[in-house]
C-alpha atoms as a PDB file:
ATOM      1  CA  MET A   1       0.053   0.068   0.000  1.00  0.00           C
ATOM      2  CA  ASN A   2       1.465   3.285  -0.846  1.00  0.00           C
ATOM      3  CA  LYS A   3       1.847   6.437   1.102  1.00  0.00           C
ATOM      4  CA  LYS A   4      -1.341   8.151   0.221  1.00  0.00           C
ATOM      5  CA  LEU A   5      -3.321   5.344   1.576  1.00  0.00           C
ATOM      6  CA  LEU A   6      -1.308   5.111   4.692  1.00  0.00           C
ATOM      7  CA  THR A   7      -2.172   8.713   5.515  1.00  0.00           C
ATOM      8  CA  LEU A   8      -5.956   7.921   5.611  1.00  0.00           C
ATOM      9  CA  GLY A   9      -5.755   7.104   9.249  1.00  0.00           C
ATOM     10  CA  ALA A  10      -4.167  10.477  10.172  1.00  0.00           C
ATOM     11  CA  ALA A  11      -6.913  12.238   8.100  1.00  0.00           C
ATOM     12  CA  LEU A  12      -9.510  10.769  10.431  1.00  0.00           C
ATOM     13  CA  THR A  13      -8.171  12.889  13.344  1.00  0.00           C
ATOM     14  CA  ILE A  14      -8.780  16.072  11.351  1.00  0.00           C
ATOM     15  CA  PHE A  15     -12.215  15.261   9.892  1.00  0.00           C
ATOM     16  CA  GLY A  16     -13.377  13.562  13.153  1.00  0.00           C
ATOM     17  CA  THR A  17     -12.591  16.800  14.967  1.00  0.00           C
ATOM     18  CA  ALA A  18     -14.453  18.735  12.445  1.00  0.00           C
ATOM     19  CA  LEU A  19     -17.463  16.652  12.717  1.00  0.00           C
ATOM     20  CA  THR A  20     -17.486  16.910  16.570  1.00  0.00           C
ATOM     21  CA  SER A  21     -17.043  20.523  16.486  1.00  0.00           C
ATOM     22  CA  CYS A  22     -20.275  20.879  14.462  1.00  0.00           C
ATOM     23  CA  GLY A  23     -22.194  20.104  17.669  1.00  0.00           C
ATOM     24  CA  ASN A  24     -26.051  20.491  17.275  1.00  0.00           C
ATOM     25  CA  ASN A  25     -25.740  22.823  14.411  1.00  0.00           C
ATOM     26  CA  THR A  26     -27.583  21.950  11.274  1.00  0.00           C
ATOM     27  CA  LEU A  27     -25.214  20.549   8.633  1.00  0.00           C
ATOM     28  CA  VAL A  28     -25.277  22.614   5.515  1.00  0.00           C
ATOM     29  CA  VAL A  29     -24.730  20.493   2.350  1.00  0.00           C
ATOM     30  CA  SER A  30     -22.709  22.255  -0.350  1.00  0.00           C
ATOM     31  CA  ASN A  31     -19.715  21.353  -2.630  1.00  0.00           C
ATOM     32  CA  ASP A  32     -17.499  22.818   0.154  1.00  0.00           C
ATOM     33  CA  VAL A  33     -17.889  19.535   2.198  1.00  0.00           C
ATOM     34  CA  LEU A  34     -18.443  15.917   1.444  1.00  0.00           C
ATOM     35  CA  VAL A  35     -21.742  14.684   2.976  1.00  0.00           C
ATOM     36  CA  VAL A  36     -21.960  10.927   2.283  1.00  0.00           C
ATOM     37  CA  GLY A  37     -25.135   8.821   2.547  1.00  0.00           C
ATOM     38  CA  MET A  38     -24.792   5.104   3.191  1.00  0.00           C
ATOM     39  CA  GLU A  39     -26.746   2.352   4.942  1.00  0.00           C
ATOM     40  CA  ALA A  40     -24.054   1.482   7.284  1.00  0.00           C
ATOM     41  CA  ASN A  41     -25.483  -2.073   7.129  1.00  0.00           C
ATOM     42  CA  TYR A  42     -24.049  -3.469   3.882  1.00  0.00           C
ATOM     43  CA  GLN A  43     -20.836  -5.466   4.700  1.00  0.00           C
ATOM     44  CA  PRO A  44     -18.157  -5.241   3.622  1.00  0.00           C
ATOM     45  CA  PHE A  45     -18.967  -2.014   1.828  1.00  0.00           C
ATOM     46  CA  ASN A  46     -20.310  -0.204   5.036  1.00  0.00           C
ATOM     47  CA  TRP A  47     -21.404  -1.193   8.496  1.00  0.00           C
ATOM     48  CA  THR A  48     -22.045   0.255  11.821  1.00  0.00           C
ATOM     49  CA  THR A  49     -19.657  -0.083  14.833  1.00  0.00           C
ATOM     50  CA  TYR A  50     -19.675   1.353  18.342  1.00  0.00           C
ATOM     51  CA  THR A  51     -15.863   1.706  18.550  1.00  0.00           C
ATOM     52  CA  SER A  52     -13.816   4.573  16.954  1.00  0.00           C
ATOM     53  CA  SER A  53     -10.621   3.443  15.032  1.00  0.00           C
ATOM     54  CA  GLU A  54      -8.281   4.530  12.253  1.00  0.00           C
ATOM     55  CA  HIS A  55     -10.745   2.856   9.753  1.00  0.00           C
ATOM     56  CA  THR A  56     -14.042   4.605  11.019  1.00  0.00           C
ATOM     57  CA  LEU A  57     -15.900   7.804  10.622  1.00  0.00           C
ATOM     58  CA  PRO A  58     -18.562   9.176  13.013  1.00  0.00           C
ATOM     59  CA  ILE A  59     -22.119   8.713  11.856  1.00  0.00           C
ATOM     60  CA  TYR A  60     -23.643  12.217  11.912  1.00  0.00           C
ATOM     61  CA  GLY A  61     -26.168  12.743  14.773  1.00  0.00           C
ATOM     62  CA  THR A  62     -25.232   9.577  16.659  1.00  0.00           C
ATOM     63  CA  ASN A  63     -22.677   8.147  19.033  1.00  0.00           C
ATOM     64  CA  GLU A  64     -21.820   5.371  16.467  1.00  0.00           C
ATOM     65  CA  TYR A  65     -19.369   4.967  13.691  1.00  0.00           C
ATOM     66  CA  ALA A  66     -19.176   3.646  10.222  1.00  0.00           C
ATOM     67  CA  ASP A  67     -16.562   1.341   8.904  1.00  0.00           C
ATOM     68  CA  GLY A  68     -16.039  -0.523   5.550  1.00  0.00           C
ATOM     69  CA  TYR A  69     -14.784  -0.127   1.999  1.00  0.00           C
ATOM     70  CA  ASP A  70     -17.099   2.933   1.377  1.00  0.00           C
ATOM     71  CA  VAL A  71     -15.789   4.708   4.549  1.00  0.00           C
ATOM     72  CA  ALA A  72     -12.210   4.131   3.360  1.00  0.00           C
ATOM     73  CA  ILE A  73     -13.059   5.624   0.022  1.00  0.00           C
ATOM     74  CA  ALA A  74     -14.858   8.553   1.692  1.00  0.00           C
ATOM     75  CA  LYS A  75     -11.687   9.201   3.781  1.00  0.00           C
ATOM     76  CA  TYR A  76      -9.610   9.119   0.758  1.00  0.00           C
ATOM     77  CA  LEU A  77     -11.746  11.388  -1.225  1.00  0.00           C
ATOM     78  CA  SER A  78     -11.705  13.802   1.842  1.00  0.00           C
ATOM     79  CA  GLU A  79      -8.025  13.828   1.870  1.00  0.00           C
ATOM     80  CA  GLU A  80      -7.645  14.335  -1.946  1.00  0.00           C
ATOM     81  CA  THR A  81     -10.040  17.042  -2.097  1.00  0.00           C
ATOM     82  CA  GLY A  82      -9.078  18.771   1.171  1.00  0.00           C
ATOM     83  CA  LYS A  83     -12.751  18.827   2.342  1.00  0.00           C
ATOM     84  CA  ASP A  84     -14.315  17.686   5.642  1.00  0.00           C
ATOM     85  CA  VAL A  85     -16.364  14.496   5.302  1.00  0.00           C
ATOM     86  CA  TYR A  86     -19.622  13.556   7.213  1.00  0.00           C
ATOM     87  CA  VAL A  87     -21.471  10.307   7.120  1.00  0.00           C
ATOM     88  CA  LYS A  88     -25.161  10.092   7.322  1.00  0.00           C
ATOM     89  CA  ARG A  89     -26.845   6.696   7.882  1.00  0.00           C
ATOM     90  CA  ILE A  90     -29.789   6.376   5.290  1.00  0.00           C
ATOM     91  CA  VAL A  91     -31.837   3.249   4.440  1.00  0.00           C
ATOM     92  CA  TRP A  92     -31.329   2.085   0.983  1.00  0.00           C
ATOM     93  CA  ASP A  93     -34.597   3.183  -0.565  1.00  0.00           C
ATOM     94  CA  SER A  94     -34.123   6.828   0.799  1.00  0.00           C
ATOM     95  CA  LEU A  95     -30.552   7.213  -0.496  1.00  0.00           C
ATOM     96  CA  ILE A  96     -31.505   8.612  -3.982  1.00  0.00           C
ATOM     97  CA  PRO A  97     -34.280  10.947  -2.510  1.00  0.00           C
ATOM     98  CA  SER A  98     -31.595  12.197   0.047  1.00  0.00           C
ATOM     99  CA  LEU A  99     -29.513  13.382  -2.906  1.00  0.00           C
ATOM    100  CA  GLN A 100     -32.387  15.099  -4.651  1.00  0.00           C
ATOM    101  CA  GLN A 101     -33.439  16.837  -1.425  1.00  0.00           C
ATOM    102  CA  ASP A 102     -29.878  18.053  -0.664  1.00  0.00           C
ATOM    103  CA  GLU A 103     -29.649  16.025   2.544  1.00  0.00           C
ATOM    104  CA  VAL A 104     -26.330  14.625   1.205  1.00  0.00           C
ATOM    105  CA  ASN A 105     -24.208  15.434  -1.863  1.00  0.00           C
ATOM    106  CA  LEU A 106     -22.640  11.836  -2.359  1.00  0.00           C
ATOM    107  CA  VAL A 107     -24.153   8.453  -2.249  1.00  0.00           C
ATOM    108  CA  LEU A 108     -21.315   6.106  -1.405  1.00  0.00           C
ATOM    109  CA  ALA A 109     -22.971   2.779  -0.761  1.00  0.00           C
ATOM    110  CA  GLY A 110     -22.098   0.059  -3.150  1.00  0.00           C
ATOM    111  CA  MET A 111     -24.626   1.410  -5.676  1.00  0.00           C
ATOM    112  CA  THR A 112     -24.611   0.400  -9.363  1.00  0.00           C
ATOM    113  CA  ASP A 113     -24.879   3.041 -12.112  1.00  0.00           C
ATOM    114  CA  THR A 114     -27.935   1.867 -14.074  1.00  0.00           C
ATOM    115  CA  SER A 115     -30.076   3.611 -16.755  1.00  0.00           C
ATOM    116  CA  GLU A 116     -33.005   3.610 -14.393  1.00  0.00           C
ATOM    117  CA  ARG A 117     -31.158   5.302 -11.682  1.00  0.00           C
ATOM    118  CA  ARG A 118     -29.613   7.866 -14.030  1.00  0.00           C
ATOM    119  CA  GLU A 119     -33.093   9.173 -14.651  1.00  0.00           C
ATOM    120  CA  SER A 120     -33.011  10.500 -11.045  1.00  0.00           C
ATOM    121  CA  ILE A 121     -29.324  11.139 -10.337  1.00  0.00           C
ATOM    122  CA  ASP A 122     -25.896  11.267 -11.847  1.00  0.00           C
ATOM    123  CA  PHE A 123     -22.863   8.957 -11.129  1.00  0.00           C
ATOM    124  CA  THR A 124     -19.227   9.193 -11.072  1.00  0.00           C
ATOM    125  CA  ASN A 125     -16.786   6.741 -12.600  1.00  0.00           C
ATOM    126  CA  PRO A 126     -16.864   3.263 -10.962  1.00  0.00           C
ATOM    127  CA  TYR A 127     -14.847   3.097  -7.636  1.00  0.00           C
ATOM    128  CA  LEU A 128     -14.855  -0.667  -7.539  1.00  0.00           C
ATOM    129  CA  THR A 129     -15.569  -3.433 -10.129  1.00  0.00           C
ATOM    130  CA  SER A 130     -16.086  -6.941  -8.721  1.00  0.00           C
ATOM    131  CA  ASP A 131     -16.826 -10.546  -9.715  1.00  0.00           C
ATOM    132  CA  LEU A 132     -20.157 -12.500  -9.208  1.00  0.00           C
ATOM    133  CA  ALA A 133     -20.010 -15.603  -7.084  1.00  0.00           C
ATOM    134  CA  PHE A 134     -22.218 -17.686  -4.924  1.00  0.00           C
ATOM    135  CA  LEU A 135     -22.377 -18.460  -1.237  1.00  0.00           C
ATOM    136  CA  ILE A 136     -23.179 -22.113  -0.575  1.00  0.00           C
ATOM    137  CA  ARG A 137     -22.908 -24.609   2.293  1.00  0.00           C
ATOM    138  CA  THR A 138     -19.561 -26.316   2.147  1.00  0.00           C
ATOM    139  CA  GLU A 139     -21.376 -29.763   2.232  1.00  0.00           C
ATOM    140  CA  ASN A 140     -23.138 -28.768  -1.049  1.00  0.00           C
ATOM    141  CA  MET A 141     -20.162 -27.728  -2.952  1.00  0.00           C
ATOM    142  CA  PRO A 142     -19.924 -29.791  -6.174  1.00  0.00           C
ATOM    143  CA  GLU A 143     -16.872 -31.997  -6.899  1.00  0.00           C
ATOM    144  CA  GLY A 144     -14.689 -31.036  -9.830  1.00  0.00           C
ATOM    145  CA  TYR A 145     -15.869 -27.454 -10.504  1.00  0.00           C
ATOM    146  CA  GLY A 146     -17.024 -24.289  -8.811  1.00  0.00           C
ATOM    147  CA  THR A 147     -13.465 -23.465  -7.696  1.00  0.00           C
ATOM    148  CA  LYS A 148     -11.448 -20.399  -8.805  1.00  0.00           C
ATOM    149  CA  GLU A 149      -9.320 -22.550 -10.908  1.00  0.00           C
ATOM    150  CA  ASN A 150     -12.428 -24.275 -12.532  1.00  0.00           C
ATOM    151  CA  PRO A 151     -15.454 -21.970 -12.171  1.00  0.00           C
ATOM    152  CA  ALA A 152     -18.884 -23.383 -12.772  1.00  0.00           C
ATOM    153  CA  SER A 153     -20.427 -22.918 -16.182  1.00  0.00           C
ATOM    154  CA  TYR A 154     -23.916 -21.553 -16.504  1.00  0.00           C
ATOM    155  CA  GLU A 155     -25.277 -25.037 -17.336  1.00  0.00           C
ATOM    156  CA  GLN A 156     -23.607 -26.482 -14.324  1.00  0.00           C
ATOM    157  CA  LEU A 157     -25.181 -23.855 -12.110  1.00  0.00           C
ATOM    158  CA  LEU A 158     -28.637 -24.611 -13.532  1.00  0.00           C
ATOM    159  CA  GLU A 159     -28.155 -28.283 -12.769  1.00  0.00           C
ATOM    160  CA  LEU A 160     -26.839 -27.703  -9.308  1.00  0.00           C
ATOM    161  CA  PHE A 161     -29.619 -25.265  -8.449  1.00  0.00           C
ATOM    162  CA  ASP A 162     -32.557 -27.373 -10.017  1.00  0.00           C
ATOM    163  CA  GLY A 163     -35.110 -27.947  -7.331  1.00  0.00           C
ATOM    164  CA  GLU A 164     -33.518 -25.572  -4.898  1.00  0.00           C
ATOM    165  CA  THR A 165     -34.111 -22.023  -3.631  1.00  0.00           C
ATOM    166  CA  LEU A 166     -31.870 -18.945  -4.043  1.00  0.00           C
ATOM    167  CA  VAL A 167     -31.878 -15.994  -1.742  1.00  0.00           C
ATOM    168  CA  CYS A 168     -30.161 -12.551  -1.549  1.00  0.00           C
ATOM    169  CA  GLN A 169     -30.474  -9.107   0.043  1.00  0.00           C
ATOM    170  CA  ALA A 170     -33.349  -7.069  -1.181  1.00  0.00           C
ATOM    171  CA  ASN A 171     -32.778  -4.305  -3.836  1.00  0.00           C
ATOM    172  CA  VAL A 172     -29.266  -5.354  -4.942  1.00  0.00           C
ATOM    173  CA  VAL A 173     -27.849  -6.601  -8.108  1.00  0.00           C
ATOM    174  CA  GLY A 174     -27.694 -10.309  -7.015  1.00  0.00           C
ATOM    175  CA  ASP A 175     -31.224 -10.420  -6.202  1.00  0.00           C
ATOM    176  CA  GLY A 176     -32.229  -9.284  -9.728  1.00  0.00           C
ATOM    177  CA  PHE A 177     -30.027 -12.009 -11.215  1.00  0.00           C
ATOM    178  CA  ILE A 178     -31.888 -14.630  -9.469  1.00  0.00           C
ATOM    179  CA  ASP A 179     -35.097 -14.246 -11.587  1.00  0.00           C
ATOM    180  CA  THR A 180     -33.347 -13.216 -14.816  1.00  0.00           C
ATOM    181  CA  TYR A 181     -30.962 -16.136 -15.113  1.00  0.00           C
ATOM    182  CA  PHE A 182     -32.285 -18.816 -12.906  1.00  0.00           C
ATOM    183  CA  VAL A 183     -35.963 -18.770 -12.080  1.00  0.00           C
ATOM    184  CA  ASN A 184     -36.728 -17.874 -15.694  1.00  0.00           C
ATOM    185  CA  ASN A 185     -34.250 -20.214 -17.291  1.00  0.00           C
ATOM    186  CA  ASP A 186     -34.944 -21.858 -20.774  1.00  0.00           C
ATOM    187  CA  GLN A 187     -33.781 -25.288 -19.780  1.00  0.00           C
ATOM    188  CA  GLY A 188     -36.709 -26.497 -17.747  1.00  0.00           C
ATOM    189  CA  LYS A 189     -34.914 -26.226 -14.360  1.00  0.00           C
ATOM    190  CA  THR A 190     -37.130 -25.506 -11.327  1.00  0.00           C
ATOM    191  CA  ILE A 191     -35.445 -22.856  -9.288  1.00  0.00           C
ATOM    192  CA  ARG A 192     -37.247 -20.742  -6.700  1.00  0.00           C
ATOM    193  CA  HIS A 193     -36.578 -17.252  -5.369  1.00  0.00           C
ATOM    194  CA  ALA A 194     -36.861 -16.904  -1.636  1.00  0.00           C
ATOM    195  CA  ASN A 195     -38.065 -13.626  -0.086  1.00  0.00           C
ATOM    196  CA  PRO A 196     -35.276 -11.203  -0.200  1.00  0.00           C
ATOM    197  CA  GLN A 197     -33.640 -10.437   3.146  1.00  0.00           C
ATOM    198  CA  SER A 198     -32.961  -6.991   4.622  1.00  0.00           C
ATOM    199  CA  THR A 199     -29.156  -7.573   4.885  1.00  0.00           C
ATOM    200  CA  TYR A 200     -26.538  -9.890   3.428  1.00  0.00           C
ATOM    201  CA  PRO A 201     -25.798 -11.539   6.843  1.00  0.00           C
ATOM    202  CA  SER A 202     -29.586 -12.425   7.148  1.00  0.00           C
ATOM    203  CA  ALA A 203     -29.458 -14.043   3.669  1.00  0.00           C
ATOM    204  CA  ALA A 204     -26.259 -15.845   4.390  1.00  0.00           C
ATOM    205  CA  ASN A 205     -27.708 -17.282   7.538  1.00  0.00           C
ATOM    206  CA  GLU A 206     -30.660 -18.650   5.543  1.00  0.00           C
ATOM    207  CA  VAL A 207     -28.047 -20.469   3.408  1.00  0.00           C
ATOM    208  CA  LYS A 208     -26.165 -21.571   6.483  1.00  0.00           C
ATOM    209  CA  GLY A 209     -29.249 -23.044   8.112  1.00  0.00           C
ATOM    210  CA  GLY A 210     -30.363 -24.853   4.802  1.00  0.00           C
ATOM    211  CA  VAL A 211     -33.430 -22.701   4.358  1.00  0.00           C
ATOM    212  CA  SER A 212     -32.115 -21.612   0.930  1.00  0.00           C
ATOM    213  CA  PHE A 213     -29.365 -23.324  -1.168  1.00  0.00           C
ATOM    214  CA  ALA A 214     -27.183 -20.444  -2.373  1.00  0.00           C
ATOM    215  CA  MET A 215     -26.805 -16.773  -2.343  1.00  0.00           C
ATOM    216  CA  PRO A 216     -25.416 -14.712  -5.492  1.00  0.00           C
ATOM    217  CA  ALA A 217     -23.434 -11.567  -4.577  1.00  0.00           C
ATOM    218  CA  GLU A 218     -20.267  -9.657  -5.399  1.00  0.00           C
ATOM    219  CA  LEU A 219     -17.309 -11.836  -4.548  1.00  0.00           C
ATOM    220  CA  PRO A 220     -16.006  -9.717  -1.621  1.00  0.00           C
ATOM    221  CA  VAL A 221     -19.480 -10.101   0.095  1.00  0.00           C
ATOM    222  CA  VAL A 222     -19.515 -13.801  -0.485  1.00  0.00           C
ATOM    223  CA  GLU A 223     -15.922 -14.184   0.859  1.00  0.00           C
ATOM    224  CA  THR A 224     -16.868 -12.186   3.986  1.00  0.00           C
ATOM    225  CA  MET A 225     -20.011 -14.259   4.644  1.00  0.00           C
ATOM    226  CA  THR A 226     -17.956 -17.504   4.605  1.00  0.00           C
ATOM    227  CA  ASN A 227     -16.689 -16.454   8.094  1.00  0.00           C
ATOM    228  CA  LEU A 228     -20.241 -17.410   9.420  1.00  0.00           C
ATOM    229  CA  GLY A 229     -18.795 -20.926   9.291  1.00  0.00           C
ATOM    230  CA  GLY A 230     -19.717 -23.951   7.164  1.00  0.00           C
ATOM    231  CA  LEU A 231     -20.092 -21.906   4.008  1.00  0.00           C
ATOM    232  CA  SER A 232     -17.888 -21.732   0.892  1.00  0.00           C
ATOM    233  CA  VAL A 233     -17.478 -19.668  -2.238  1.00  0.00           C
ATOM    234  CA  LEU A 234     -18.926 -21.182  -5.427  1.00  0.00           C
ATOM    235  CA  TYR A 235     -17.060 -19.484  -8.289  1.00  0.00           C
ATOM    236  CA  CYS A 236     -18.779 -19.246 -11.754  1.00  0.00           C
ATOM    237  CA  ASP A 237     -17.939 -18.192 -15.322  1.00  0.00           C
ATOM    238  CA  TYR A 238     -20.403 -15.393 -15.046  1.00  0.00           C
ATOM    239  CA  LYS A 239     -18.904 -13.531 -18.047  1.00  0.00           C
ATOM    240  CA  SER A 240     -20.196 -16.289 -20.345  1.00  0.00           C
ATOM    241  CA  PHE A 241     -23.959 -15.620 -19.414  1.00  0.00           C
ATOM    242  CA  LEU A 242     -24.463 -12.250 -18.179  1.00  0.00           C
ATOM    243  CA  SER A 243     -25.540  -9.670 -20.465  1.00  0.00           C
ATOM    244  CA  GLU A 244     -23.420  -6.579 -21.122  1.00  0.00           C
ATOM    245  CA  GLU A 245     -25.655  -4.439 -19.128  1.00  0.00           C
ATOM    246  CA  ASP A 246     -25.703  -6.835 -16.208  1.00  0.00           C
ATOM    247  CA  LEU A 247     -21.841  -7.169 -16.282  1.00  0.00           C
ATOM    248  CA  ASN A 248     -21.858  -3.387 -15.883  1.00  0.00           C
ATOM    249  CA  ASP A 249     -24.072  -3.856 -12.768  1.00  0.00           C
ATOM    250  CA  LEU A 250     -20.927  -5.529 -10.980  1.00  0.00           C
ATOM    251  CA  SER A 251     -19.432  -2.116 -10.833  1.00  0.00           C
ATOM    252  CA  VAL A 252     -20.367   0.296  -8.181  1.00  0.00           C
ATOM    253  CA  SER A 253     -20.213   4.145  -8.573  1.00  0.00           C
ATOM    254  CA  ILE A 254     -20.864   7.143  -6.371  1.00  0.00           C
ATOM    255  CA  GLY A 255     -24.206   8.846  -6.780  1.00  0.00           C
ATOM    256  CA  VAL A 256     -24.347  12.703  -7.226  1.00  0.00           C
ATOM    257  CA  LYS A 257     -27.149  15.070  -7.572  1.00  0.00           C
ATOM    258  CA  LYS A 258     -28.136  15.596 -11.168  1.00  0.00           C
ATOM    259  CA  GLY A 259     -26.309  18.549 -12.836  1.00  0.00           C
ATOM    260  CA  ASN A 260     -23.579  18.736 -10.102  1.00  0.00           C
ATOM    261  CA  THR A 261     -20.758  18.499 -12.633  1.00  0.00           C
ATOM    262  CA  GLU A 262     -18.287  20.362 -10.426  1.00  0.00           C
ATOM    263  CA  LEU A 263     -18.470  17.624  -7.731  1.00  0.00           C
ATOM    264  CA  ILE A 264     -18.460  14.794 -10.214  1.00  0.00           C
ATOM    265  CA  ASN A 265     -15.400  16.055 -11.907  1.00  0.00           C
ATOM    266  CA  GLU A 266     -13.636  16.529  -8.583  1.00  0.00           C
ATOM    267  CA  VAL A 267     -14.400  13.084  -7.343  1.00  0.00           C
ATOM    268  CA  ASN A 268     -13.447  11.432 -10.605  1.00  0.00           C
ATOM    269  CA  ALA A 269     -10.069  13.189 -10.596  1.00  0.00           C
ATOM    270  CA  ALA A 270      -9.357  11.834  -7.159  1.00  0.00           C
ATOM    271  CA  LEU A 271     -10.537   8.289  -8.082  1.00  0.00           C
ATOM    272  CA  ALA A 272      -8.252   8.271 -11.145  1.00  0.00           C
ATOM    273  CA  LYS A 273      -5.315   8.395  -8.767  1.00  0.00           C
ATOM    274  CA  LEU A 274      -6.363   5.162  -7.048  1.00  0.00           C
ATOM    275  CA  SER A 275      -5.139   2.123  -8.882  1.00  0.00           C
ATOM    276  CA  ASP A 276      -7.069  -1.158  -9.162  1.00  0.00           C
ATOM    277  CA  ASP A 277      -4.543  -2.946  -6.982  1.00  0.00           C
ATOM    278  CA  GLU A 278      -5.098  -0.257  -4.295  1.00  0.00           C
ATOM    279  CA  ARG A 279      -8.835  -0.575  -4.559  1.00  0.00           C
ATOM    280  CA  ASN A 280      -8.789  -4.298  -4.139  1.00  0.00           C
ATOM    281  CA  GLU A 281      -6.288  -4.078  -1.217  1.00  0.00           C
ATOM    282  CA  ILE A 282      -8.611  -1.651   0.516  1.00  0.00           C
ATOM    283  CA  MET A 283     -11.551  -4.002  -0.071  1.00  0.00           C
ATOM    284  CA  GLY A 284      -9.560  -6.946   1.078  1.00  0.00           C
ATOM    285  CA  ASP A 285      -8.761  -5.121   4.417  1.00  0.00           C
ATOM    286  CA  ALA A 286     -12.441  -4.157   4.854  1.00  0.00           C
ATOM    287  CA  ALA A 287     -13.638  -7.648   4.167  1.00  0.00           C
ATOM    288  CA  SER A 288     -11.326  -8.958   6.860  1.00  0.00           C
ATOM    289  CA  ARG A 289     -12.558  -6.464   9.298  1.00  0.00           C
ATOM    290  CA  SER A 290     -16.346  -6.949   8.565  1.00  0.00           C
ATOM    291  CA  ALA A 291     -15.915 -10.757   9.180  1.00  0.00           C
ATOM    292  CA  GLU A 292     -15.840  -9.875  12.991  1.00  0.00           C
ATOM    293  CA  ASN A 293     -19.154  -7.926  12.462  1.00  0.00           C
ATOM    294  CA  ALA A 294     -21.007 -10.493  10.297  1.00  0.00           C
END
């Protein structure tokens, strides 16, 4: 990890102090500060903790803290732009409205840039591009495929999931893939879609308990959930069956209010300095920390 990432911990002292000094005053959202909206409940991208550390930022208006990949990126952007950063905890369905109503000026929450969302908000360039994988009980792992070296083909996935139920967190990319590629398959396989769960850990526990057979999600999420015990990563050749649009959905970008070109350009300039290796290293560190909070 290079020097600019190592300085993120020091930046926390500055911006944590700025947040504390705000007291009970109303936070004014403008391009002079970074006001970030996230769920703080979406491991390993973001989650809530009660302990301050070099990895956390205070959650505005509470005595709690946010940690995760998104928090590390928020701190990085704060350092690169020289602006104070504030984190607001907002439920998923209210993140886009919060931008439109100027409650925040960045949604940094593992959100995918889609044509539908672009009707309401703008997006920066991606700040992480991931792989698709499945979480599965270790005892149900197939022999001979599904490993990183020999990922499962689409046909193998359909055969494995035939007669089974898939589950995911609500309103995320993986949940949409269940119907598109597995329930509505053209090979006569019977695959069911369980009621989506409110969080990834809840969905993962359904898999662990045998209520559902597998959970599709971004690879860092799946890797993190294996720490619940008795679970494994089922790798797949997703590039052979996902549409171009759905492949794009595996990238996450930062939401910005429509027309705020100044802030988009500033964030994109900062992200351009962050290499793919650095991004993956930050995510790996976040995933390791989030395992303790799963």
